[in-house]
C-alpha atoms as a PDB file:
ATOM      1  CA  UNK A   1    -109.361 -28.742 -44.568  1.00  0.00           C
ATOM      2  CA  UNK A   2    -105.858 -27.422 -45.137  1.00  0.00           C
ATOM      3  CA  UNK A   3    -103.491 -27.038 -48.069  1.00  0.00           C
ATOM      4  CA  UNK A   4    -101.133 -30.015 -48.483  1.00  0.00           C
ATOM      5  CA  UNK A   5     -99.591 -29.142 -51.874  1.00  0.00           C
ATOM      6  CA  UNK A   6     -99.957 -27.015 -55.014  1.00  0.00           C
ATOM      7  CA  UNK A   7    -100.280 -27.829 -58.694  1.00  0.00           C
ATOM      8  CA  UNK A   8     -98.370 -25.900 -61.333  1.00  0.00           C
ATOM      9  CA  UNK A   9     -96.454 -26.652 -64.513  1.00  0.00           C
ATOM     10  CA  UNK A  10     -98.446 -29.882 -64.983  1.00  0.00           C
ATOM     11  CA  UNK A  11     -97.253 -31.419 -61.711  1.00  0.00           C
ATOM     12  CA  UNK A  12     -97.875 -31.423 -57.968  1.00  0.00           C
ATOM     13  CA  UNK A  13     -95.394 -29.703 -55.657  1.00  0.00           C
ATOM     14  CA  UNK A  14     -94.975 -29.630 -51.871  1.00  0.00           C
ATOM     15  CA  UNK A  15     -95.616 -26.474 -49.873  1.00  0.00           C
ATOM     16  CA  UNK A  16     -91.903 -25.871 -49.253  1.00  0.00           C
ATOM     17  CA  UNK A  17     -90.947 -25.954 -52.932  1.00  0.00           C
ATOM     18  CA  UNK A  18     -93.924 -23.775 -53.834  1.00  0.00           C
ATOM     19  CA  UNK A  19     -92.971 -21.212 -51.193  1.00  0.00           C
ATOM     20  CA  UNK A  20     -89.409 -21.103 -52.544  1.00  0.00           C
ATOM     21  CA  UNK A  21     -90.743 -20.425 -56.030  1.00  0.00           C
ATOM     22  CA  UNK A  22     -93.841 -18.260 -55.516  1.00  0.00           C
ATOM     23  CA  UNK A  23     -93.935 -16.886 -51.963  1.00  0.00           C
ATOM     24  CA  UNK A  24     -94.780 -13.242 -51.497  1.00  0.00           C
ATOM     25  CA  UNK A  25     -91.454 -11.690 -50.544  1.00  0.00           C
ATOM     26  CA  UNK A  26     -92.778  -8.248 -49.789  1.00  0.00           C
ATOM     27  CA  UNK A  27     -92.468  -6.915 -53.314  1.00  0.00           C
ATOM     28  CA  UNK A  28     -94.780  -4.079 -54.238  1.00  0.00           C
ATOM     29  CA  UNK A  29     -96.911  -4.902 -57.250  1.00  0.00           C
ATOM     30  CA  UNK A  30     -98.084  -2.373 -59.785  1.00  0.00           C
ATOM     31  CA  UNK A  31     -96.437   0.479 -61.614  1.00  0.00           C
ATOM     32  CA  UNK A  32     -93.939   2.361 -59.449  1.00  0.00           C
ATOM     33  CA  UNK A  33     -95.286   5.626 -60.923  1.00  0.00           C
ATOM     34  CA  UNK A  34     -98.810   4.924 -59.686  1.00  0.00           C
ATOM     35  CA  UNK A  35    -100.002   6.945 -56.723  1.00  0.00           C
ATOM     36  CA  UNK A  36    -101.313   3.818 -55.028  1.00  0.00           C
ATOM     37  CA  UNK A  37     -99.597   0.476 -55.367  1.00  0.00           C
ATOM     38  CA  UNK A  38    -100.954  -2.722 -53.936  1.00  0.00           C
ATOM     39  CA  UNK A  39     -99.898  -6.142 -52.808  1.00  0.00           C
ATOM     40  CA  UNK A  40    -102.220  -8.951 -53.843  1.00  0.00           C
ATOM     41  CA  UNK A  41    -103.780 -11.206 -51.225  1.00  0.00           C
ATOM     42  CA  UNK A  42    -102.018 -14.411 -50.202  1.00  0.00           C
ATOM     43  CA  UNK A  43    -103.047 -17.715 -48.683  1.00  0.00           C
ATOM     44  CA  UNK A  44    -101.758 -19.014 -45.338  1.00  0.00           C
ATOM     45  CA  UNK A  45     -98.460 -20.082 -46.971  1.00  0.00           C
ATOM     46  CA  UNK A  46     -97.765 -16.685 -48.527  1.00  0.00           C
ATOM     47  CA  UNK A  47     -98.680 -17.794 -52.054  1.00  0.00           C
ATOM     48  CA  UNK A  48    -100.428 -15.031 -53.952  1.00  0.00           C
ATOM     49  CA  UNK A  49    -103.902 -15.736 -55.290  1.00  0.00           C
ATOM     50  CA  UNK A  50    -104.099 -15.733 -59.083  1.00  0.00           C
ATOM     51  CA  UNK A  51    -100.336 -16.124 -59.554  1.00  0.00           C
ATOM     52  CA  UNK A  52     -99.425 -17.863 -62.810  1.00  0.00           C
ATOM     53  CA  UNK A  53     -96.755 -20.457 -63.532  1.00  0.00           C
ATOM     54  CA  UNK A  54     -94.419 -20.294 -66.539  1.00  0.00           C
ATOM     55  CA  UNK A  55     -97.102 -21.915 -68.708  1.00  0.00           C
ATOM     56  CA  UNK A  56     -99.648 -19.181 -67.930  1.00  0.00           C
ATOM     57  CA  UNK A  57    -101.812 -21.391 -65.693  1.00  0.00           C
ATOM     58  CA  UNK A  58    -102.862 -20.458 -62.182  1.00  0.00           C
ATOM     59  CA  UNK A  59    -101.031 -22.073 -59.259  1.00  0.00           C
ATOM     60  CA  UNK A  60    -103.763 -24.128 -57.558  1.00  0.00           C
ATOM     61  CA  UNK A  61    -103.802 -25.469 -53.993  1.00  0.00           C
ATOM     62  CA  UNK A  62    -104.408 -29.152 -53.257  1.00  0.00           C
ATOM     63  CA  UNK A  63    -106.461 -29.542 -50.093  1.00  0.00           C
ATOM     64  CA  UNK A  64    -106.408 -32.394 -47.584  1.00  0.00           C
ATOM     65  CA  UNK A  65    -109.897 -33.467 -48.743  1.00  0.00           C
ATOM     66  CA  UNK A  66    -109.060 -33.490 -52.480  1.00  0.00           C
ATOM     67  CA  UNK A  67    -108.992 -36.871 -54.230  1.00  0.00           C
ATOM     68  CA  UNK A  68    -105.551 -37.060 -55.814  1.00  0.00           C
ATOM     69  CA  UNK A  69    -105.297 -40.857 -55.820  1.00  0.00           C
ATOM     70  CA  UNK A  70    -106.425 -43.335 -58.488  1.00  0.00           C
ATOM     71  CA  UNK A  71    -109.660 -44.822 -57.173  1.00  0.00           C
ATOM     72  CA  UNK A  72    -110.635 -47.161 -60.004  1.00  0.00           C
ATOM     73  CA  UNK A  73    -110.450 -50.896 -59.307  1.00  0.00           C
ATOM     74  CA  UNK A  74    -107.573 -51.574 -61.715  1.00  0.00           C
ATOM     75  CA  UNK A  75    -105.232 -49.031 -60.104  1.00  0.00           C
ATOM     76  CA  UNK A  76    -106.212 -49.961 -56.559  1.00  0.00           C
ATOM     77  CA  UNK A  77    -105.426 -53.643 -57.126  1.00  0.00           C
ATOM     78  CA  UNK A  78    -102.190 -52.982 -59.027  1.00  0.00           C
ATOM     79  CA  UNK A  79    -101.007 -50.305 -56.632  1.00  0.00           C
ATOM     80  CA  UNK A  80    -102.781 -50.467 -53.246  1.00  0.00           C
ATOM     81  CA  UNK A  81    -100.332 -47.978 -51.688  1.00  0.00           C
ATOM     82  CA  UNK A  82    -100.172 -44.738 -53.663  1.00  0.00           C
ATOM     83  CA  UNK A  83     -97.984 -41.729 -53.035  1.00  0.00           C
ATOM     84  CA  UNK A  84     -98.440 -38.056 -53.825  1.00  0.00           C
ATOM     85  CA  UNK A  85     -94.887 -36.849 -54.466  1.00  0.00           C
ATOM     86  CA  UNK A  86     -93.414 -33.413 -55.124  1.00  0.00           C
ATOM     87  CA  UNK A  87     -92.400 -32.808 -58.722  1.00  0.00           C
ATOM     88  CA  UNK A  88     -89.498 -30.625 -57.582  1.00  0.00           C
ATOM     89  CA  UNK A  89     -87.819 -32.279 -54.572  1.00  0.00           C
ATOM     90  CA  UNK A  90     -89.506 -35.711 -55.047  1.00  0.00           C
ATOM     91  CA  UNK A  91     -90.459 -35.865 -51.359  1.00  0.00           C
ATOM     92  CA  UNK A  92     -93.624 -37.730 -50.371  1.00  0.00           C
ATOM     93  CA  UNK A  93     -96.469 -35.313 -49.625  1.00  0.00           C
ATOM     94  CA  UNK A  94     -99.211 -37.810 -48.770  1.00  0.00           C
ATOM     95  CA  UNK A  95     -99.904 -41.552 -48.876  1.00  0.00           C
ATOM     96  CA  UNK A  96    -103.107 -43.427 -49.676  1.00  0.00           C
ATOM     97  CA  UNK A  97    -103.525 -47.069 -48.680  1.00  0.00           C
ATOM     98  CA  UNK A  98    -106.468 -48.937 -50.222  1.00  0.00           C
ATOM     99  CA  UNK A  99    -108.012 -51.165 -47.581  1.00  0.00           C
ATOM    100  CA  UNK A 100    -110.879 -53.499 -48.475  1.00  0.00           C
ATOM    101  CA  UNK A 101    -112.692 -55.400 -45.734  1.00  0.00           C
ATOM    102  CA  UNK A 102    -109.926 -54.537 -43.296  1.00  0.00           C
ATOM    103  CA  UNK A 103    -107.175 -55.904 -45.539  1.00  0.00           C
ATOM    104  CA  UNK A 104    -104.616 -53.892 -47.507  1.00  0.00           C
ATOM    105  CA  UNK A 105    -104.925 -55.036 -51.106  1.00  0.00           C
END
């Protein structure tokens, strides 16, 4: 199980675009007058836990085992090949191909 993307601002974004926007750049967090300042924990891509997007929602990881595709019969028949695309760069993050009885619908 690994992170394949992130969700923020009501869309899904690739790791690269998320790093450009939210990566921990070594800034010190907290009040500069405090005796002890801290840096919040980050995931394996350098994205801080509990960081918020511009809408005030947490940036959430999408894992390789998450179901991002439409799995109902109507969507699978209309669109048997589905793509998870980045809302920023529009690159394809992942692809799902619906195969029934060994045949791509």
